């Protein structure tokens, strides 16, 4: 998957852009945003069960670190076993054990997602609420969609 993301990235990033794909009722979310001061690029991609944010390395050759944004399938109705998700967290539904009331965002659209860059972190909003904070110094992600700290990231505490 990392190779797919990087090849897509190489084809898309000759200019600073926020989104590249036309949205249809069946299209998945794919967005990019490049910070004008630092040149760092953030990609947001919808997988089969969830939406992830990827901060690319400064040379844009690899993913520096990632963060769980939200689930697109309600974790309360998932029967996935926890042990399956530890290694394949992007390819399986979020276990209900990690879920809270913010984990699942129904009918999420690109227009619902906003990105704000600061000097030391990136904040991602969904419907005007902070959902993910990515600390650029510690390379740690804090997600509102997690009930507790786990392999998906750290819980964003209010």
C-alpha atoms as a PDB file:
ATOM      1  CA  UNK A   1       0.000   0.000   0.000  1.00  0.00           C
ATOM      2  CA  UNK A   2       2.871   2.366   0.766  1.00  0.00           C
ATOM      3  CA  UNK A   3       4.174   1.967  -2.786  1.00  0.00           C
ATOM      4  CA  UNK A   4       0.716   2.665  -4.215  1.00  0.00           C
ATOM      5  CA  UNK A   5       0.423   5.825  -2.142  1.00  0.00           C
ATOM      6  CA  UNK A   6       3.844   7.043  -3.149  1.00  0.00           C
ATOM      7  CA  UNK A   7       3.252   6.363  -6.846  1.00  0.00           C
ATOM      8  CA  UNK A   8      -0.054   8.226  -6.658  1.00  0.00           C
ATOM      9  CA  UNK A   9       1.744  11.006  -4.820  1.00  0.00           C
ATOM     10  CA  UNK A  10       4.465  11.263  -7.471  1.00  0.00           C
ATOM     11  CA  UNK A  11       1.870  11.669 -10.199  1.00  0.00           C
ATOM     12  CA  UNK A  12      -0.166  14.270  -8.375  1.00  0.00           C
ATOM     13  CA  UNK A  13       2.202  16.698  -6.701  1.00  0.00           C
ATOM     14  CA  UNK A  14       3.781  18.976  -9.200  1.00  0.00           C
ATOM     15  CA  UNK A  15       1.779  21.845  -7.646  1.00  0.00           C
ATOM     16  CA  UNK A  16       0.359  22.731  -4.242  1.00  0.00           C
ATOM     17  CA  UNK A  17      -3.188  21.346  -4.179  1.00  0.00           C
ATOM     18  CA  UNK A  18      -5.862  20.369  -1.718  1.00  0.00           C
ATOM     19  CA  UNK A  19      -7.722  17.660  -3.625  1.00  0.00           C
ATOM     20  CA  UNK A  20      -7.258  15.872  -6.881  1.00  0.00           C
ATOM     21  CA  UNK A  21     -10.192  13.557  -7.449  1.00  0.00           C
ATOM     22  CA  UNK A  22     -13.700  14.536  -8.471  1.00  0.00           C
ATOM     23  CA  UNK A  23     -16.145  13.460  -5.812  1.00  0.00           C
ATOM     24  CA  UNK A  24     -18.934  11.108  -6.787  1.00  0.00           C
ATOM     25  CA  UNK A  25     -21.326   9.184  -4.626  1.00  0.00           C
ATOM     26  CA  UNK A  26     -19.040   6.131  -4.768  1.00  0.00           C
ATOM     27  CA  UNK A  27     -15.628   7.813  -4.690  1.00  0.00           C
ATOM     28  CA  UNK A  28     -13.395   7.473  -1.698  1.00  0.00           C
ATOM     29  CA  UNK A  29     -11.810  10.454  -0.022  1.00  0.00           C
ATOM     30  CA  UNK A  30      -8.330  11.392  -1.179  1.00  0.00           C
ATOM     31  CA  UNK A  31      -6.917  14.801  -0.279  1.00  0.00           C
ATOM     32  CA  UNK A  32      -3.521  16.400  -0.079  1.00  0.00           C
ATOM     33  CA  UNK A  33      -2.282  19.610   1.446  1.00  0.00           C
ATOM     34  CA  UNK A  34       1.223  21.043   1.349  1.00  0.00           C
ATOM     35  CA  UNK A  35       2.349  23.529   3.990  1.00  0.00           C
ATOM     36  CA  UNK A  36       3.733  26.552   2.171  1.00  0.00           C
ATOM     37  CA  UNK A  37       6.404  27.407   4.769  1.00  0.00           C
ATOM     38  CA  UNK A  38       7.842  23.959   5.482  1.00  0.00           C
ATOM     39  CA  UNK A  39       7.022  22.176   2.234  1.00  0.00           C
ATOM     40  CA  UNK A  40       5.658  19.199   4.211  1.00  0.00           C
ATOM     41  CA  UNK A  41       2.770  17.324   2.615  1.00  0.00           C
ATOM     42  CA  UNK A  42      -0.192  15.680   4.316  1.00  0.00           C
ATOM     43  CA  UNK A  43      -2.284  13.057   2.535  1.00  0.00           C
ATOM     44  CA  UNK A  44      -5.717  11.989   3.740  1.00  0.00           C
ATOM     45  CA  UNK A  45      -7.019   8.748   2.293  1.00  0.00           C
ATOM     46  CA  UNK A  46     -10.126   6.688   2.859  1.00  0.00           C
ATOM     47  CA  UNK A  47      -9.383   2.980   3.102  1.00  0.00           C
ATOM     48  CA  UNK A  48     -12.020   0.232   3.097  1.00  0.00           C
ATOM     49  CA  UNK A  49     -13.008   0.785   6.732  1.00  0.00           C
ATOM     50  CA  UNK A  50     -11.414   4.015   7.909  1.00  0.00           C
ATOM     51  CA  UNK A  51      -9.795   7.317   6.982  1.00  0.00           C
ATOM     52  CA  UNK A  52      -6.086   7.863   7.653  1.00  0.00           C
ATOM     53  CA  UNK A  53      -3.812  10.887   7.480  1.00  0.00           C
ATOM     54  CA  UNK A  54      -0.232  10.397   6.296  1.00  0.00           C
ATOM     55  CA  UNK A  55       2.504  12.959   6.812  1.00  0.00           C
ATOM     56  CA  UNK A  56       5.151  12.472   4.160  1.00  0.00           C
ATOM     57  CA  UNK A  57       8.854  12.753   4.823  1.00  0.00           C
ATOM     58  CA  UNK A  58      10.535  15.988   3.803  1.00  0.00           C
ATOM     59  CA  UNK A  59      11.896  14.382   0.617  1.00  0.00           C
ATOM     60  CA  UNK A  60       8.374  13.058  -0.152  1.00  0.00           C
ATOM     61  CA  UNK A  61       9.813   9.579  -0.724  1.00  0.00           C
ATOM     62  CA  UNK A  62       8.202   7.878   2.260  1.00  0.00           C
ATOM     63  CA  UNK A  63       5.536   8.214   4.925  1.00  0.00           C
ATOM     64  CA  UNK A  64       6.989   9.867   8.042  1.00  0.00           C
ATOM     65  CA  UNK A  65       4.066   8.922  10.308  1.00  0.00           C
ATOM     66  CA  UNK A  66       0.322   8.500  10.177  1.00  0.00           C
ATOM     67  CA  UNK A  67      -2.821   9.077  12.193  1.00  0.00           C
ATOM     68  CA  UNK A  68      -6.259   7.499  12.461  1.00  0.00           C
ATOM     69  CA  UNK A  69      -8.893  10.076  11.536  1.00  0.00           C
ATOM     70  CA  UNK A  70     -12.174   8.128  11.750  1.00  0.00           C
ATOM     71  CA  UNK A  71     -14.018   4.982  10.720  1.00  0.00           C
ATOM     72  CA  UNK A  72     -16.361   4.864   7.735  1.00  0.00           C
ATOM     73  CA  UNK A  73     -17.963   1.637   9.010  1.00  0.00           C
ATOM     74  CA  UNK A  74     -19.543   1.680  12.469  1.00  0.00           C
ATOM     75  CA  UNK A  75     -17.168  -0.250  14.801  1.00  0.00           C
ATOM     76  CA  UNK A  76     -20.075  -1.275  17.032  1.00  0.00           C
ATOM     77  CA  UNK A  77     -21.241  -3.632  14.295  1.00  0.00           C
ATOM     78  CA  UNK A  78     -17.825  -5.097  13.535  1.00  0.00           C
ATOM     79  CA  UNK A  79     -17.046  -8.649  14.590  1.00  0.00           C
ATOM     80  CA  UNK A  80     -13.341  -8.359  13.765  1.00  0.00           C
ATOM     81  CA  UNK A  81     -11.052  -9.921  16.307  1.00  0.00           C
ATOM     82  CA  UNK A  82      -8.539  -7.629  17.956  1.00  0.00           C
ATOM     83  CA  UNK A  83      -5.487  -9.713  17.043  1.00  0.00           C
ATOM     84  CA  UNK A  84      -6.191  -9.307  13.303  1.00  0.00           C
ATOM     85  CA  UNK A  85      -6.056  -5.543  13.504  1.00  0.00           C
ATOM     86  CA  UNK A  86      -2.739  -5.135  15.244  1.00  0.00           C
ATOM     87  CA  UNK A  87      -0.750  -5.965  12.099  1.00  0.00           C
ATOM     88  CA  UNK A  88      -3.287  -4.881   9.486  1.00  0.00           C
ATOM     89  CA  UNK A  89      -4.937  -1.904  11.130  1.00  0.00           C
ATOM     90  CA  UNK A  90      -5.706  -0.073   7.864  1.00  0.00           C
ATOM     91  CA  UNK A  91      -7.161  -3.139   6.166  1.00  0.00           C
ATOM     92  CA  UNK A  92      -9.623  -4.106   8.884  1.00  0.00           C
ATOM     93  CA  UNK A  93     -12.398  -2.353  10.801  1.00  0.00           C
ATOM     94  CA  UNK A  94     -11.565  -0.507  14.015  1.00  0.00           C
ATOM     95  CA  UNK A  95     -12.269  -2.906  16.906  1.00  0.00           C
ATOM     96  CA  UNK A  96     -15.173  -1.812  19.107  1.00  0.00           C
ATOM     97  CA  UNK A  97     -12.757  -1.905  22.067  1.00  0.00           C
ATOM     98  CA  UNK A  98     -10.975   1.174  20.663  1.00  0.00           C
ATOM     99  CA  UNK A  99     -14.113   2.992  19.512  1.00  0.00           C
ATOM    100  CA  UNK A 100     -15.977   5.893  21.070  1.00  0.00           C
ATOM    101  CA  UNK A 101     -18.842   8.104  19.935  1.00  0.00           C
ATOM    102  CA  UNK A 102     -16.517  10.055  17.612  1.00  0.00           C
ATOM    103  CA  UNK A 103     -14.961   7.033  15.889  1.00  0.00           C
ATOM    104  CA  UNK A 104     -17.582   6.637  13.184  1.00  0.00           C
ATOM    105  CA  UNK A 105     -18.468   9.560  10.918  1.00  0.00           C
ATOM    106  CA  UNK A 106     -21.474   8.761   8.767  1.00  0.00           C
ATOM    107  CA  UNK A 107     -21.476  10.061   5.172  1.00  0.00           C
ATOM    108  CA  UNK A 108     -18.110  11.796   5.485  1.00  0.00           C
ATOM    109  CA  UNK A 109     -17.306  14.035   2.499  1.00  0.00           C
ATOM    110  CA  UNK A 110     -14.155  15.902   1.472  1.00  0.00           C
ATOM    111  CA  UNK A 111     -15.858  19.214   2.154  1.00  0.00           C
ATOM    112  CA  UNK A 112     -16.270  18.170   5.824  1.00  0.00           C
ATOM    113  CA  UNK A 113     -12.491  17.917   6.308  1.00  0.00           C
ATOM    114  CA  UNK A 114     -10.270  20.950   6.966  1.00  0.00           C
ATOM    115  CA  UNK A 115      -6.536  21.077   7.626  1.00  0.00           C
ATOM    116  CA  UNK A 116      -4.714  23.705   9.693  1.00  0.00           C
ATOM    117  CA  UNK A 117      -0.930  23.830   9.810  1.00  0.00           C
ATOM    118  CA  UNK A 118       0.939  25.238  12.791  1.00  0.00           C
ATOM    119  CA  UNK A 119       4.684  25.387  13.350  1.00  0.00           C
ATOM    120  CA  UNK A 120       4.853  22.222  15.462  1.00  0.00           C
ATOM    121  CA  UNK A 121       1.671  20.330  14.590  1.00  0.00           C
ATOM    122  CA  UNK A 122      -1.076  19.758  12.031  1.00  0.00           C
ATOM    123  CA  UNK A 123      -4.718  19.813  13.114  1.00  0.00           C
ATOM    124  CA  UNK A 124      -7.419  18.085  11.083  1.00  0.00           C
ATOM    125  CA  UNK A 125     -11.042  19.061  11.585  1.00  0.00           C
ATOM    126  CA  UNK A 126     -14.176  17.138  10.650  1.00  0.00           C
ATOM    127  CA  UNK A 127     -17.316  19.248  10.536  1.00  0.00           C
ATOM    128  CA  UNK A 128     -15.519  22.041  12.437  1.00  0.00           C
ATOM    129  CA  UNK A 129     -14.447  19.742  15.319  1.00  0.00           C
ATOM    130  CA  UNK A 130     -10.835  18.784  16.022  1.00  0.00           C
ATOM    131  CA  UNK A 131     -10.462  15.105  15.132  1.00  0.00           C
ATOM    132  CA  UNK A 132      -6.729  14.607  14.745  1.00  0.00           C
ATOM    133  CA  UNK A 133      -3.623  16.405  15.954  1.00  0.00           C
ATOM    134  CA  UNK A 134      -0.310  15.304  14.462  1.00  0.00           C
ATOM    135  CA  UNK A 135       2.697  16.449  16.500  1.00  0.00           C
ATOM    136  CA  UNK A 136       5.518  17.112  14.035  1.00  0.00           C
ATOM    137  CA  UNK A 137       8.252  17.066  16.704  1.00  0.00           C
ATOM    138  CA  UNK A 138       7.402  13.771  18.394  1.00  0.00           C
ATOM    139  CA  UNK A 139       5.821  12.192  15.272  1.00  0.00           C
ATOM    140  CA  UNK A 140       2.798  11.243  17.361  1.00  0.00           C
ATOM    141  CA  UNK A 141      -0.874  11.386  16.370  1.00  0.00           C
ATOM    142  CA  UNK A 142      -3.718  12.118  18.763  1.00  0.00           C
ATOM    143  CA  UNK A 143      -7.160  11.071  17.545  1.00  0.00           C
ATOM    144  CA  UNK A 144     -10.583  12.072  18.843  1.00  0.00           C
ATOM    145  CA  UNK A 145     -11.901   8.828  17.309  1.00  0.00           C
ATOM    146  CA  UNK A 146     -10.016   6.577  19.734  1.00  0.00           C
ATOM    147  CA  UNK A 147     -11.370   5.592  23.139  1.00  0.00           C
ATOM    148  CA  UNK A 148      -7.875   4.952  24.505  1.00  0.00           C
ATOM    149  CA  UNK A 149      -4.231   4.738  23.456  1.00  0.00           C
ATOM    150  CA  UNK A 150      -3.615   1.747  21.193  1.00  0.00           C
ATOM    151  CA  UNK A 151      -1.843   0.619  18.019  1.00  0.00           C
ATOM    152  CA  UNK A 152      -4.010   3.028  16.017  1.00  0.00           C
ATOM    153  CA  UNK A 153      -2.563   6.009  17.864  1.00  0.00           C
ATOM    154  CA  UNK A 154      -3.104   7.994  21.012  1.00  0.00           C
ATOM    155  CA  UNK A 155      -6.416   9.290  22.271  1.00  0.00           C
ATOM    156  CA  UNK A 156      -6.986  13.021  21.867  1.00  0.00           C
ATOM    157  CA  UNK A 157      -8.140  14.172  25.274  1.00  0.00           C
ATOM    158  CA  UNK A 158     -10.372  17.220  25.478  1.00  0.00           C
END
